[in-house]
Amino acid sequence: MLDKAASVLDCFRPDGGTFRLTDITARTGLTKTTAFRLCADLVRLGLLERTSETYRLGGKLFELGSLVPRRLDLREAALPFLQDLFEATHETVHLGIREGHDVVYVERIHGHQTLTLPSRIGGRLPLTCTGVGKALLAFSGSELADEVLTGPLPRLTPHSVTDAARLRTVLEQIQVSGLAYEEQEAALGVSCIASPVFDGPTAVAALSVAVPLGRFHPAQLAPAVRTAALGLSRVLRSGGGSAGGAST
């Protein structure tokens, strides 16, 4: 029954939103009676909320998610550096960690101008289609890189890199420079620069700044991104925050 309840919550991935009971049964494969009973229990527990004839994720999930130690410690240590990076650029800033073959966004600070992005706090995107993801992949060990590159590479836009040989070259360049570049690979009209964050030999996180393509000036943005990542890495290595390891 716990597995079935988890499948109900999972059907709200990746973007949340609201669903009717018929949507939930279609997504989970549960009978209408079972789905209705589980949804009622989840509403009672605060894990779902019911609005008229639809369901949405409940506030208790946000409360519990914000208390996950690995993310909470990392986020608290990173916030001053993310704020510094935002003040230096006035553009949208991200902090992400790796979970499997995805980057999960732990924090995001919006720029002064509206920028349509697929990223959101708690959301995930493929490692290979984002600056944060590529920075993480480049410094997460050769075994993971080989595993990702031998599988099908996702395409979010026509600019996403889906050629394994080309992506391997990109990862090698990131390992040399400590900077990952992404140009319209996750969202059209948007580019970003990212840099890895360390608390040991492999990256535990990465941070980035995302800008509209017309304002993308790497020579101006890269030093600020690199400085923020190095500063956060120093804090983590000195014990000022504990990020833990990335999931495999």
Protein backbone atom coordinates (compact mmCIF):
# COMPACT_ATOMS: atom_id res chain seq x y z
CA MET A 1 0.00 0.00 0.00
CA LEU A 2 2.94 2.31 0.71
CA ASP A 3 4.22 1.69 -2.82
CA LYS A 4 0.81 2.60 -4.21
CA ALA A 5 0.70 5.81 -2.17
CA ALA A 6 4.16 6.70 -3.43
CA SER A 7 3.01 6.11 -7.01
CA VAL A 8 0.18 8.61 -6.45
CA LEU A 9 2.68 11.25 -5.28
CA ASP A 10 5.08 10.41 -8.12
CA CYS A 11 2.41 11.03 -10.74
CA PHE A 12 2.74 14.76 -9.98
CA ARG A 13 6.26 14.74 -11.42
CA PRO A 14 7.88 16.62 -13.00
CA ASP A 15 5.97 19.89 -12.80
CA GLY A 16 3.41 19.48 -10.03
CA GLY A 17 0.12 20.98 -11.10
CA THR A 18 -3.37 19.69 -10.37
CA PHE A 19 -5.00 16.43 -11.45
CA ARG A 20 -8.46 14.94 -11.38
CA LEU A 21 -8.95 11.48 -9.93
CA THR A 22 -9.27 10.09 -13.46
CA ASP A 23 -5.87 11.58 -14.33
CA ILE A 24 -4.31 9.96 -11.27
CA THR A 25 -5.77 6.54 -12.08
CA ALA A 26 -4.50 6.81 -15.65
CA ARG A 27 -1.01 7.79 -14.54
CA THR A 28 -0.70 5.20 -11.77
CA GLY A 29 -2.68 2.28 -13.18
CA LEU A 30 -4.63 2.02 -9.91
CA THR A 31 -8.34 1.32 -9.80
CA LYS A 32 -10.57 4.32 -9.21
CA THR A 33 -11.62 2.97 -5.80
CA THR A 34 -8.02 2.44 -4.64
CA ALA A 35 -6.86 5.80 -5.97
CA PHE A 36 -9.76 7.59 -4.29
CA ARG A 37 -9.02 5.94 -0.94
CA LEU A 38 -5.30 6.69 -1.14
CA CYS A 39 -5.90 10.31 -2.15
CA ALA A 40 -8.28 10.77 0.77
CA ASP A 41 -5.64 9.39 3.17
CA LEU A 42 -2.94 11.59 1.66
CA VAL A 43 -5.19 14.66 1.99
CA ARG A 44 -5.84 13.79 5.63
CA LEU A 45 -2.08 13.55 6.23
CA GLY A 46 -1.37 16.86 4.50
CA LEU A 47 0.60 15.27 1.68
CA LEU A 48 -2.06 16.21 -0.87
CA GLU A 49 -4.59 19.02 -1.00
CA ARG A 50 -8.01 18.75 -2.61
CA THR A 51 -9.50 21.71 -4.44
CA SER A 52 -12.99 21.11 -5.80
CA GLU A 53 -12.55 18.09 -8.08
CA THR A 54 -8.76 18.16 -8.37
CA TYR A 55 -5.76 17.25 -6.23
CA ARG A 56 -2.41 18.94 -5.82
CA LEU A 57 0.69 18.34 -3.70
CA GLY A 58 0.29 19.33 -0.05
CA GLY A 59 2.29 21.82 1.95
CA LYS A 60 3.67 19.17 4.28
CA LEU A 61 5.75 17.76 1.42
CA PHE A 62 7.46 21.14 1.03
CA GLU A 63 8.11 21.32 4.76
CA LEU A 64 9.63 17.85 4.84
CA GLY A 65 11.64 18.38 1.65
CA SER A 66 13.20 21.56 2.97
CA LEU A 67 14.48 19.61 5.98
CA VAL A 68 16.47 16.99 4.04
CA PRO A 69 19.88 17.40 5.74
CA ARG A 70 22.09 17.15 2.65
CA ARG A 71 20.15 19.81 0.79
CA LEU A 72 19.49 22.01 3.82
CA ASP A 73 23.14 22.18 4.89
CA LEU A 74 24.35 22.83 1.36
CA ARG A 75 21.71 25.48 0.71
CA GLU A 76 22.51 27.37 3.91
CA ALA A 77 26.22 27.34 3.16
CA ALA A 78 25.64 28.39 -0.44
CA LEU A 79 23.15 31.24 0.01
CA PRO A 80 25.72 33.99 0.76
CA PHE A 81 27.67 33.06 -2.38
CA LEU A 82 24.53 32.84 -4.51
CA GLN A 83 23.49 36.26 -3.25
CA ASP A 84 26.95 37.66 -4.06
CA LEU A 85 26.74 36.19 -7.55
CA PHE A 86 23.28 37.67 -8.02
CA GLU A 87 24.46 41.10 -6.87
CA ALA A 88 27.42 40.91 -9.26
CA THR A 89 25.31 39.96 -12.29
CA HIS A 90 21.64 40.78 -11.52
CA GLU A 91 20.83 37.62 -13.48
CA THR A 92 19.15 34.35 -12.50
CA VAL A 93 21.36 32.17 -10.29
CA HIS A 94 21.04 28.43 -9.68
CA LEU A 95 22.45 25.86 -7.27
CA GLY A 96 22.08 22.20 -8.22
CA ILE A 97 23.13 18.73 -7.10
CA ARG A 98 23.30 15.44 -8.95
CA GLU A 99 20.82 12.63 -8.50
CA GLY A 100 21.45 9.79 -10.92
CA HIS A 101 21.64 11.19 -14.42
CA ASP A 102 19.78 14.39 -13.52
CA VAL A 103 20.55 17.69 -11.89
CA VAL A 104 18.13 18.64 -9.09
CA TYR A 105 17.83 22.35 -8.35
CA VAL A 106 18.24 23.19 -4.67
CA GLU A 107 18.03 26.97 -4.92
CA ARG A 108 17.25 29.63 -7.49
CA ILE A 109 17.38 33.41 -7.29
CA HIS A 110 15.48 35.22 -10.04
CA GLY A 111 17.04 37.97 -12.09
CA HIS A 112 15.48 41.42 -12.38
CA GLN A 113 13.91 40.59 -15.74
CA THR A 114 11.53 37.71 -16.40
CA LEU A 115 13.36 34.75 -17.89
CA THR A 116 11.46 31.67 -19.00
CA LEU A 117 13.39 28.66 -17.73
CA PRO A 118 12.56 24.98 -17.28
CA SER A 119 14.41 24.92 -13.95
CA ARG A 120 12.64 25.23 -10.60
CA ILE A 121 13.53 24.49 -6.99
CA GLY A 122 13.09 20.76 -6.46
CA GLY A 123 12.83 20.14 -10.21
CA ARG A 124 15.21 18.06 -12.25
CA LEU A 125 16.70 18.21 -15.74
CA PRO A 126 19.13 15.97 -17.63
CA LEU A 127 22.79 16.47 -16.72
CA THR A 128 23.79 16.78 -20.37
CA CYS A 129 21.40 19.62 -21.26
CA THR A 130 22.31 22.15 -18.57
CA GLY A 131 25.38 24.09 -17.50
CA VAL A 132 25.00 22.95 -13.89
CA GLY A 133 24.54 19.36 -15.04
CA LYS A 134 27.59 19.36 -17.30
CA ALA A 135 29.72 20.87 -14.53
CA LEU A 136 28.59 18.07 -12.22
CA LEU A 137 29.09 15.37 -14.84
CA ALA A 138 32.60 16.53 -15.68
CA PHE A 139 33.69 16.13 -12.06
CA SER A 140 31.73 13.06 -10.96
CA GLY A 141 34.15 10.39 -12.10
CA SER A 142 34.85 8.64 -15.40
CA GLU A 143 32.49 5.74 -14.66
CA LEU A 144 29.45 7.99 -14.53
CA ALA A 145 30.53 9.86 -17.65
CA ASP A 146 30.96 6.58 -19.54
CA GLU A 147 27.57 5.39 -18.33
CA VAL A 148 25.84 8.58 -19.47
CA LEU A 149 27.65 8.80 -22.79
CA THR A 150 26.91 5.22 -23.78
CA GLY A 151 23.18 5.69 -23.28
CA PRO A 152 20.73 7.77 -25.30
CA LEU A 153 21.37 11.49 -24.80
CA PRO A 154 18.20 13.54 -24.20
CA ARG A 155 17.23 16.50 -26.36
CA LEU A 156 15.36 19.42 -24.78
CA THR A 157 15.92 21.83 -27.67
CA PRO A 158 17.46 21.58 -31.17
CA HIS A 159 20.69 22.84 -29.58
CA SER A 160 21.03 20.03 -27.02
CA VAL A 161 24.22 18.02 -27.54
CA THR A 162 23.26 14.46 -28.49
CA ASP A 163 26.56 13.34 -30.01
CA ALA A 164 28.57 11.37 -27.44
CA ALA A 165 31.98 12.18 -28.92
CA ARG A 166 31.22 15.89 -28.97
CA LEU A 167 29.92 15.82 -25.40
CA ARG A 168 33.02 13.95 -24.20
CA THR A 169 35.15 16.74 -25.66
CA VAL A 170 32.97 19.30 -23.89
CA LEU A 171 33.46 17.50 -20.56
CA GLU A 172 37.23 17.44 -21.06
CA GLN A 173 37.20 21.20 -21.69
CA ILE A 174 35.21 21.74 -18.50
CA GLN A 175 37.75 19.70 -16.53
CA VAL A 176 40.50 22.01 -17.77
CA SER A 177 38.74 25.36 -17.30
CA GLY A 178 36.47 24.60 -14.35
CA LEU A 179 33.62 26.24 -16.27
CA ALA A 180 30.68 24.74 -18.14
CA TYR A 181 28.88 26.62 -20.87
CA GLU A 182 25.35 25.97 -22.12
CA GLU A 183 23.81 27.84 -25.02
CA GLN A 184 20.09 27.28 -25.62
CA GLU A 185 20.44 23.58 -24.79
CA ALA A 186 17.75 23.56 -22.08
CA ALA A 187 15.61 26.51 -23.21
CA LEU A 188 15.62 28.56 -26.39
CA GLY A 189 16.94 32.07 -25.99
CA VAL A 190 18.79 31.31 -22.75
CA SER A 191 22.44 30.56 -22.06
CA CYS A 192 24.36 29.99 -18.86
CA ILE A 193 27.77 29.50 -17.27
CA ALA A 194 28.27 27.04 -14.41
CA SER A 195 31.10 25.96 -12.15
CA PRO A 196 31.47 22.92 -9.88
CA VAL A 197 31.55 23.02 -6.09
CA PHE A 198 33.75 20.57 -4.20
CA ASP A 199 33.90 19.03 -0.74
CA GLY A 200 36.35 16.30 -1.75
CA PRO A 201 37.65 14.91 -5.06
CA THR A 202 34.29 14.96 -6.87
CA ALA A 203 31.74 17.74 -7.27
CA VAL A 204 28.98 17.83 -4.67
CA ALA A 205 27.11 20.67 -6.38
CA ALA A 206 27.40 23.30 -9.07
CA LEU A 207 26.18 26.86 -9.37
CA SER A 208 25.38 28.89 -12.43
CA VAL A 209 24.13 32.16 -13.81
CA ALA A 210 21.54 32.09 -16.61
CA VAL A 211 20.98 35.02 -18.96
CA PRO A 212 19.05 35.83 -22.14
CA LEU A 213 21.13 35.01 -25.19
CA GLY A 214 21.43 38.69 -26.12
CA ARG A 215 23.14 39.48 -22.81
CA PHE A 216 25.39 36.43 -22.75
CA HIS A 217 28.93 37.77 -22.31
CA PRO A 218 31.08 34.90 -20.97
CA ALA A 219 34.17 37.03 -20.38
CA GLN A 220 32.19 39.22 -17.95
CA LEU A 221 30.18 36.48 -16.25
CA ALA A 222 32.72 33.67 -15.91
CA PRO A 223 34.96 35.27 -13.24
CA ALA A 224 31.99 35.92 -10.95
CA VAL A 225 30.70 32.35 -11.33
CA ARG A 226 34.13 30.83 -10.72
CA THR A 227 34.74 33.03 -7.67
CA ALA A 228 31.41 32.05 -6.10
CA ALA A 229 32.05 28.33 -6.68
CA LEU A 230 35.57 28.50 -5.25
CA GLY A 231 34.35 30.42 -2.21
CA LEU A 232 31.62 27.88 -1.48
CA SER A 233 34.08 25.02 -1.96
CA ARG A 234 36.42 26.57 0.61
CA VAL A 235 33.59 26.83 3.13
CA LEU A 236 32.51 23.22 2.62
CA ARG A 237 36.06 21.91 2.87
CA SER A 238 36.64 23.84 6.08
CA GLY A 239 33.58 22.25 7.64
CA GLY A 240 31.36 25.31 7.34
CA GLY A 241 28.68 23.20 5.65
CA SER A 242 28.15 19.54 4.92
CA ALA A 243 26.86 18.66 1.49
CA GLY A 244 27.23 14.93 1.57
CA GLY A 245 27.72 12.80 -1.52
CA ALA A 246 25.70 12.74 -4.71
CA SER A 247 23.28 9.91 -5.31
CA THR A 248 24.19 7.22 -7.76
